[in-house]
Structure formats: C-alpha cells, structure tokens
C-alpha cells in the first residue's frame, strides 16, 4: 500500500488544524492583518483547502470565534429604516441574539474573554470588524471619531450582556427586552450619531 502523505480534504484533523492556525493568526495580527495564505501556511495546507472548508476569510473568522451568529445576516435589518431609530434597532437585535439559544455560545465567549487574553483579542476583533465597522461605515460622521464611537457602543452592548447573562443583576436580568431597548437604545443612538462633546458634557 502506498503511504499516505499530507492531509486530505475531509479529514477532521485538517479542519481543526486550520481553525487552530486561524485563531492564532487573528489573535496575533487582527482580522485585517491575517491572511488566508498565512493561515494555510501555519496549518501546512494549501490555501485552496481553507476556501474549501470555510469559503471566505469572514466565515473562517466566525468559525474560529465560535460566533453564535453571522452579523452579516442580521445587520441589514439594523441598518434599514430611519437613522434616528438605529440605536434601538441595534439593541433590539443584540438582545434577540443573546436571549436566544444561540446566546449560550456568546456567554461562554464572554466568560473566556475575561480570563484569556487571546479570546479577548478575538472578541475585540469580532466586535470591531464584524459589527461596529459595518454600522459606522454607513454613518455620516467624522472618521476620526469612529474608534471612540465604536468603543462606546461596545461598552453599552457588552455591559448589557454581562449584567443580563453573566452577573444576572436584577431587574436587568429578567426585564422584558423592549424595556431594555427603550432604556439603552437612546444612549447607543447618542454614541452613534450624537455630538460627542455633548455626550461627555453630560
């Protein structure tokens, strides 16, 4: 019998090797700095095999993150409609994911990010490249303000997730989603489109 060399498509070890290499690459270089070719080289496979398993860099990143959902499928609903309601739509969609069975994976990711720096890096990259950038790029605001606006929005959303699903602080933990949308949505809206000078002035 001829001795088998290398990894074959369909071998579970191949897919896992690609994911391991991708997690390391995204954590070390960020989403923008990591490439399919570099991931393939680290996993010792052909780049075509990465595409075979995952299709695109975005999908590879989501798989490496164990992301509960693909933001690209949800954000069109957030961005549709009037600009004044963007904050409420974002919070409503966010809660819809975290309060669903898919949110269990998100809670596990949050818990891990608190104690694991690599997971924290991946979570930051996920929020910036897959969620916040796709929203902020659609807004007519000063480009220099985008990083601050994005981090402020993230502080509200992640803080809400932690209080509701990790710390389980009442009454936030058991509040109706629309109650939280009404309470948090306007704050997120100010961070997205408001005058930042007014935000910091109180």
C-alpha atoms as a PDB file:
ATOM      1  CA  UNK A   1       0.000   0.000   0.000  1.00  0.00           C
ATOM      2  CA  UNK A   2       1.200   3.486  -0.815  1.00  0.00           C
ATOM      3  CA  UNK A   3       1.972   5.543   2.246  1.00  0.00           C
ATOM      4  CA  UNK A   4      -0.435   8.448   2.691  1.00  0.00           C
ATOM      5  CA  UNK A   5       1.253  11.836   2.749  1.00  0.00           C
ATOM      6  CA  UNK A   6      -0.138  15.115   3.972  1.00  0.00           C
ATOM      7  CA  UNK A   7      -3.718  15.826   4.967  1.00  0.00           C
ATOM      8  CA  UNK A   8      -6.697  15.032   2.768  1.00  0.00           C
ATOM      9  CA  UNK A   9      -9.887  17.058   2.303  1.00  0.00           C
ATOM     10  CA  UNK A  10     -12.493  15.655   4.633  1.00  0.00           C
ATOM     11  CA  UNK A  11     -10.014  14.719   7.339  1.00  0.00           C
ATOM     12  CA  UNK A  12     -11.301  16.256  10.612  1.00  0.00           C
ATOM     13  CA  UNK A  13      -7.708  16.913  11.645  1.00  0.00           C
ATOM     14  CA  UNK A  14      -7.283  19.192   8.648  1.00  0.00           C
ATOM     15  CA  UNK A  15     -10.208  21.392   9.568  1.00  0.00           C
ATOM     16  CA  UNK A  16      -9.080  21.600  13.181  1.00  0.00           C
ATOM     17  CA  UNK A  17      -5.524  22.470  12.169  1.00  0.00           C
ATOM     18  CA  UNK A  18      -6.858  25.314  10.019  1.00  0.00           C
ATOM     19  CA  UNK A  19      -9.022  26.612  12.888  1.00  0.00           C
ATOM     20  CA  UNK A  20      -6.113  26.455  15.345  1.00  0.00           C
ATOM     21  CA  UNK A  21      -3.882  28.356  12.926  1.00  0.00           C
ATOM     22  CA  UNK A  22      -6.642  30.885  12.259  1.00  0.00           C
ATOM     23  CA  UNK A  23      -7.227  31.599  15.956  1.00  0.00           C
ATOM     24  CA  UNK A  24      -3.528  32.243  16.433  1.00  0.00           C
ATOM     25  CA  UNK A  25      -3.295  34.448  13.338  1.00  0.00           C
ATOM     26  CA  UNK A  26      -6.370  36.535  14.151  1.00  0.00           C
ATOM     27  CA  UNK A  27      -5.312  36.969  17.772  1.00  0.00           C
ATOM     28  CA  UNK A  28      -1.751  37.971  16.866  1.00  0.00           C
ATOM     29  CA  UNK A  29      -2.344  40.077  13.740  1.00  0.00           C
ATOM     30  CA  UNK A  30      -6.006  41.041  13.902  1.00  0.00           C
ATOM     31  CA  UNK A  31      -8.612  40.378  11.250  1.00  0.00           C
ATOM     32  CA  UNK A  32      -7.139  42.820   8.724  1.00  0.00           C
ATOM     33  CA  UNK A  33      -3.558  41.636   9.223  1.00  0.00           C
ATOM     34  CA  UNK A  34      -4.238  37.908   8.960  1.00  0.00           C
ATOM     35  CA  UNK A  35      -4.499  36.338   5.517  1.00  0.00           C
ATOM     36  CA  UNK A  36      -5.845  33.067   4.177  1.00  0.00           C
ATOM     37  CA  UNK A  37      -2.388  32.319   2.790  1.00  0.00           C
ATOM     38  CA  UNK A  38      -0.712  32.832   6.179  1.00  0.00           C
ATOM     39  CA  UNK A  39      -3.285  30.656   7.924  1.00  0.00           C
ATOM     40  CA  UNK A  40      -2.802  27.922   5.336  1.00  0.00           C
ATOM     41  CA  UNK A  41       0.969  28.066   5.726  1.00  0.00           C
ATOM     42  CA  UNK A  42       0.716  27.749   9.509  1.00  0.00           C
ATOM     43  CA  UNK A  43      -1.671  24.808   9.143  1.00  0.00           C
ATOM     44  CA  UNK A  44       0.553  23.258   6.448  1.00  0.00           C
ATOM     45  CA  UNK A  45      -2.230  23.050   3.884  1.00  0.00           C
ATOM     46  CA  UNK A  46      -2.911  24.580   0.505  1.00  0.00           C
ATOM     47  CA  UNK A  47      -4.851  27.893   0.636  1.00  0.00           C
ATOM     48  CA  UNK A  48      -7.473  26.302  -1.617  1.00  0.00           C
ATOM     49  CA  UNK A  49      -8.230  23.872   1.193  1.00  0.00           C
ATOM     50  CA  UNK A  50      -9.029  26.770   3.538  1.00  0.00           C
ATOM     51  CA  UNK A  51     -11.506  28.054   0.966  1.00  0.00           C
ATOM     52  CA  UNK A  52     -12.869  24.523   0.570  1.00  0.00           C
ATOM     53  CA  UNK A  53     -13.764  24.313   4.249  1.00  0.00           C
ATOM     54  CA  UNK A  54     -14.724  27.915   5.037  1.00  0.00           C
ATOM     55  CA  UNK A  55     -15.342  29.795   1.800  1.00  0.00           C
ATOM     56  CA  UNK A  56     -14.070  33.210   2.866  1.00  0.00           C
ATOM     57  CA  UNK A  57     -11.946  34.954   5.463  1.00  0.00           C
ATOM     58  CA  UNK A  58     -15.054  36.281   7.182  1.00  0.00           C
ATOM     59  CA  UNK A  59     -16.507  32.803   7.582  1.00  0.00           C
ATOM     60  CA  UNK A  60     -13.165  31.425   8.734  1.00  0.00           C
ATOM     61  CA  UNK A  61     -13.043  34.125  11.393  1.00  0.00           C
ATOM     62  CA  UNK A  62     -16.588  33.358  12.588  1.00  0.00           C
ATOM     63  CA  UNK A  63     -15.754  29.654  12.811  1.00  0.00           C
ATOM     64  CA  UNK A  64     -12.539  30.368  14.705  1.00  0.00           C
ATOM     65  CA  UNK A  65     -14.501  32.580  17.088  1.00  0.00           C
ATOM     66  CA  UNK A  66     -17.289  30.032  17.610  1.00  0.00           C
ATOM     67  CA  UNK A  67     -19.524  33.028  16.863  1.00  0.00           C
ATOM     68  CA  UNK A  68     -23.172  32.247  17.638  1.00  0.00           C
ATOM     69  CA  UNK A  69     -24.426  34.157  14.584  1.00  0.00           C
ATOM     70  CA  UNK A  70     -23.160  35.814  11.421  1.00  0.00           C
ATOM     71  CA  UNK A  71     -23.570  39.587  11.841  1.00  0.00           C
ATOM     72  CA  UNK A  72     -23.725  39.999   8.071  1.00  0.00           C
ATOM     73  CA  UNK A  73     -27.103  38.261   8.133  1.00  0.00           C
ATOM     74  CA  UNK A  74     -28.512  40.472  10.916  1.00  0.00           C
ATOM     75  CA  UNK A  75     -27.107  43.939  10.306  1.00  0.00           C
ATOM     76  CA  UNK A  76     -29.181  44.733   7.189  1.00  0.00           C
ATOM     77  CA  UNK A  77     -32.232  44.793   9.472  1.00  0.00           C
ATOM     78  CA  UNK A  78     -30.426  47.119  11.871  1.00  0.00           C
ATOM     79  CA  UNK A  79     -29.362  49.482   9.100  1.00  0.00           C
ATOM     80  CA  UNK A  80     -32.759  49.504   7.394  1.00  0.00           C
ATOM     81  CA  UNK A  81     -35.054  52.349   8.403  1.00  0.00           C
ATOM     82  CA  UNK A  82     -34.542  55.853   9.663  1.00  0.00           C
ATOM     83  CA  UNK A  83     -31.248  56.882  11.198  1.00  0.00           C
ATOM     84  CA  UNK A  84     -32.938  58.129  14.388  1.00  0.00           C
ATOM     85  CA  UNK A  85     -34.017  54.590  15.279  1.00  0.00           C
ATOM     86  CA  UNK A  86     -30.645  52.942  14.668  1.00  0.00           C
ATOM     87  CA  UNK A  87     -29.717  52.694  18.348  1.00  0.00           C
ATOM     88  CA  UNK A  88     -32.963  50.981  19.322  1.00  0.00           C
ATOM     89  CA  UNK A  89     -32.798  48.564  16.374  1.00  0.00           C
ATOM     90  CA  UNK A  90     -29.226  47.632  17.274  1.00  0.00           C
ATOM     91  CA  UNK A  91     -30.083  46.949  20.925  1.00  0.00           C
ATOM     92  CA  UNK A  92     -33.222  45.008  19.924  1.00  0.00           C
ATOM     93  CA  UNK A  93     -31.254  42.815  17.522  1.00  0.00           C
ATOM     94  CA  UNK A  94     -28.457  42.341  20.058  1.00  0.00           C
ATOM     95  CA  UNK A  95     -30.895  41.179  22.718  1.00  0.00           C
ATOM     96  CA  UNK A  96     -32.658  38.951  20.212  1.00  0.00           C
ATOM     97  CA  UNK A  97     -29.424  37.016  19.753  1.00  0.00           C
ATOM     98  CA  UNK A  98     -28.294  36.940  23.376  1.00  0.00           C
ATOM     99  CA  UNK A  99     -31.702  35.958  24.716  1.00  0.00           C
ATOM    100  CA  UNK A 100     -31.996  33.084  22.214  1.00  0.00           C
ATOM    101  CA  UNK A 101     -30.409  29.617  22.437  1.00  0.00           C
ATOM    102  CA  UNK A 102     -27.596  30.923  20.230  1.00  0.00           C
ATOM    103  CA  UNK A 103     -26.678  33.329  23.016  1.00  0.00           C
ATOM    104  CA  UNK A 104     -25.278  30.463  25.107  1.00  0.00           C
ATOM    105  CA  UNK A 105     -22.162  30.428  22.939  1.00  0.00           C
ATOM    106  CA  UNK A 106     -21.860  34.188  23.350  1.00  0.00           C
ATOM    107  CA  UNK A 107     -21.982  33.900  27.137  1.00  0.00           C
ATOM    108  CA  UNK A 108     -19.249  31.256  27.062  1.00  0.00           C
ATOM    109  CA  UNK A 109     -17.156  33.564  24.874  1.00  0.00           C
ATOM    110  CA  UNK A 110     -17.607  36.453  27.302  1.00  0.00           C
ATOM    111  CA  UNK A 111     -16.595  34.334  30.289  1.00  0.00           C
ATOM    112  CA  UNK A 112     -13.493  33.147  28.465  1.00  0.00           C
ATOM    113  CA  UNK A 113     -12.525  36.655  27.339  1.00  0.00           C
ATOM    114  CA  UNK A 114     -12.379  37.830  30.945  1.00  0.00           C
ATOM    115  CA  UNK A 115      -9.588  35.396  31.810  1.00  0.00           C
ATOM    116  CA  UNK A 116      -7.967  34.606  28.457  1.00  0.00           C
ATOM    117  CA  UNK A 117      -6.120  37.352  26.572  1.00  0.00           C
ATOM    118  CA  UNK A 118      -6.273  35.547  23.219  1.00  0.00           C
ATOM    119  CA  UNK A 119     -10.031  35.169  23.483  1.00  0.00           C
ATOM    120  CA  UNK A 120     -10.279  38.837  24.483  1.00  0.00           C
ATOM    121  CA  UNK A 121      -8.331  39.798  21.356  1.00  0.00           C
ATOM    122  CA  UNK A 122     -10.606  37.693  19.183  1.00  0.00           C
ATOM    123  CA  UNK A 123     -13.682  39.233  20.782  1.00  0.00           C
ATOM    124  CA  UNK A 124     -12.329  42.738  20.138  1.00  0.00           C
ATOM    125  CA  UNK A 125     -11.643  41.881  16.514  1.00  0.00           C
ATOM    126  CA  UNK A 126     -15.118  40.394  16.139  1.00  0.00           C
ATOM    127  CA  UNK A 127     -16.821  43.478  17.538  1.00  0.00           C
ATOM    128  CA  UNK A 128     -14.739  45.926  15.511  1.00  0.00           C
ATOM    129  CA  UNK A 129     -14.573  44.199  12.127  1.00  0.00           C
ATOM    130  CA  UNK A 130     -17.805  42.216  12.000  1.00  0.00           C
ATOM    131  CA  UNK A 131     -20.231  44.515  13.813  1.00  0.00           C
ATOM    132  CA  UNK A 132     -19.169  48.078  14.586  1.00  0.00           C
ATOM    133  CA  UNK A 133     -17.254  48.849  11.394  1.00  0.00           C
ATOM    134  CA  UNK A 134     -20.175  47.675   9.249  1.00  0.00           C
ATOM    135  CA  UNK A 135     -22.525  50.017  11.087  1.00  0.00           C
ATOM    136  CA  UNK A 136     -20.277  53.038  11.462  1.00  0.00           C
ATOM    137  CA  UNK A 137     -19.206  52.959   7.816  1.00  0.00           C
ATOM    138  CA  UNK A 138     -22.821  53.748   6.913  1.00  0.00           C
ATOM    139  CA  UNK A 139     -22.968  56.895   9.057  1.00  0.00           C
ATOM    140  CA  UNK A 140     -22.118  60.445   8.056  1.00  0.00           C
ATOM    141  CA  UNK A 141     -19.827  61.234  10.979  1.00  0.00           C
ATOM    142  CA  UNK A 142     -16.249  62.426  11.365  1.00  0.00           C
ATOM    143  CA  UNK A 143     -13.972  59.450  10.515  1.00  0.00           C
ATOM    144  CA  UNK A 144     -11.641  60.487  13.325  1.00  0.00           C
ATOM    145  CA  UNK A 145     -14.467  59.837  15.800  1.00  0.00           C
ATOM    146  CA  UNK A 146     -15.257  56.310  14.614  1.00  0.00           C
ATOM    147  CA  UNK A 147     -12.976  54.404  17.035  1.00  0.00           C
ATOM    148  CA  UNK A 148     -14.368  56.273  20.042  1.00  0.00           C
ATOM    149  CA  UNK A 149     -17.966  55.937  18.894  1.00  0.00           C
ATOM    150  CA  UNK A 150     -17.481  52.226  18.284  1.00  0.00           C
ATOM    151  CA  UNK A 151     -15.891  51.559  21.658  1.00  0.00           C
ATOM    152  CA  UNK A 152     -18.640  53.484  23.448  1.00  0.00           C
ATOM    153  CA  UNK A 153     -21.321  51.454  21.679  1.00  0.00           C
ATOM    154  CA  UNK A 154     -19.473  48.240  22.534  1.00  0.00           C
ATOM    155  CA  UNK A 155     -19.259  49.263  26.192  1.00  0.00           C
ATOM    156  CA  UNK A 156     -23.044  49.533  26.324  1.00  0.00           C
ATOM    157  CA  UNK A 157     -23.775  46.295  24.495  1.00  0.00           C
ATOM    158  CA  UNK A 158     -21.193  44.108  26.221  1.00  0.00           C
ATOM    159  CA  UNK A 159     -22.023  45.666  29.577  1.00  0.00           C
ATOM    160  CA  UNK A 160     -25.680  44.848  28.994  1.00  0.00           C
ATOM    161  CA  UNK A 161     -24.837  41.248  28.060  1.00  0.00           C
ATOM    162  CA  UNK A 162     -22.665  40.793  31.144  1.00  0.00           C
ATOM    163  CA  UNK A 163     -25.257  42.199  33.537  1.00  0.00           C
ATOM    164  CA  UNK A 164     -28.120  40.249  31.954  1.00  0.00           C
ATOM    165  CA  UNK A 165     -26.495  36.869  31.315  1.00  0.00           C
ATOM    166  CA  UNK A 166     -23.311  36.580  33.395  1.00  0.00           C
ATOM    167  CA  UNK A 167     -23.784  38.603  36.577  1.00  0.00           C
ATOM    168  CA  UNK A 168     -27.590  38.311  36.248  1.00  0.00           C
ATOM    169  CA  UNK A 169     -28.204  41.593  38.015  1.00  0.00           C
ATOM    170  CA  UNK A 170     -31.887  42.265  38.641  1.00  0.00           C
ATOM    171  CA  UNK A 171     -34.033  43.773  37.335  1.00  0.00           C
ATOM    172  CA  UNK A 172     -31.928  43.844  34.156  1.00  0.00           C
ATOM    173  CA  UNK A 173     -31.616  40.044  34.097  1.00  0.00           C
ATOM    174  CA  UNK A 174     -35.358  39.435  33.843  1.00  0.00           C
ATOM    175  CA  UNK A 175     -36.521  42.677  32.219  1.00  0.00           C
ATOM    176  CA  UNK A 176     -38.585  42.482  29.060  1.00  0.00           C
ATOM    177  CA  UNK A 177     -36.397  43.104  26.003  1.00  0.00           C
ATOM    178  CA  UNK A 178     -38.408  46.153  24.933  1.00  0.00           C
ATOM    179  CA  UNK A 179     -37.881  47.705  28.375  1.00  0.00           C
ATOM    180  CA  UNK A 180     -34.140  47.494  27.849  1.00  0.00           C
ATOM    181  CA  UNK A 181     -34.432  48.701  24.261  1.00  0.00           C
ATOM    182  CA  UNK A 182     -36.237  51.803  25.481  1.00  0.00           C
ATOM    183  CA  UNK A 183     -33.674  52.402  28.235  1.00  0.00           C
ATOM    184  CA  UNK A 184     -30.416  51.650  26.430  1.00  0.00           C
ATOM    185  CA  UNK A 185     -31.319  52.434  22.818  1.00  0.00           C
ATOM    186  CA  UNK A 186     -31.187  56.246  23.171  1.00  0.00           C
ATOM    187  CA  UNK A 187     -27.742  56.060  24.779  1.00  0.00           C
ATOM    188  CA  UNK A 188     -26.433  53.881  21.949  1.00  0.00           C
ATOM    189  CA  UNK A 189     -28.015  56.325  19.493  1.00  0.00           C
ATOM    190  CA  UNK A 190     -26.101  59.247  21.037  1.00  0.00           C
ATOM    191  CA  UNK A 191     -22.862  57.313  20.767  1.00  0.00           C
ATOM    192  CA  UNK A 192     -23.559  56.507  17.120  1.00  0.00           C
ATOM    193  CA  UNK A 193     -24.764  59.837  15.802  1.00  0.00           C
ATOM    194  CA  UNK A 194     -24.802  62.413  18.584  1.00  0.00           C
ATOM    195  CA  UNK A 195     -22.422  65.260  19.270  1.00  0.00           C
ATOM    196  CA  UNK A 196     -19.619  63.667  21.279  1.00  0.00           C
ATOM    197  CA  UNK A 197     -18.901  66.961  23.009  1.00  0.00           C
ATOM    198  CA  UNK A 198     -22.450  66.916  24.355  1.00  0.00           C
ATOM    199  CA  UNK A 199     -22.116  63.251  25.317  1.00  0.00           C
ATOM    200  CA  UNK A 200     -19.091  63.972  27.500  1.00  0.00           C
ATOM    201  CA  UNK A 201     -20.587  67.190  28.810  1.00  0.00           C
ATOM    202  CA  UNK A 202     -23.274  65.119  30.442  1.00  0.00           C
END
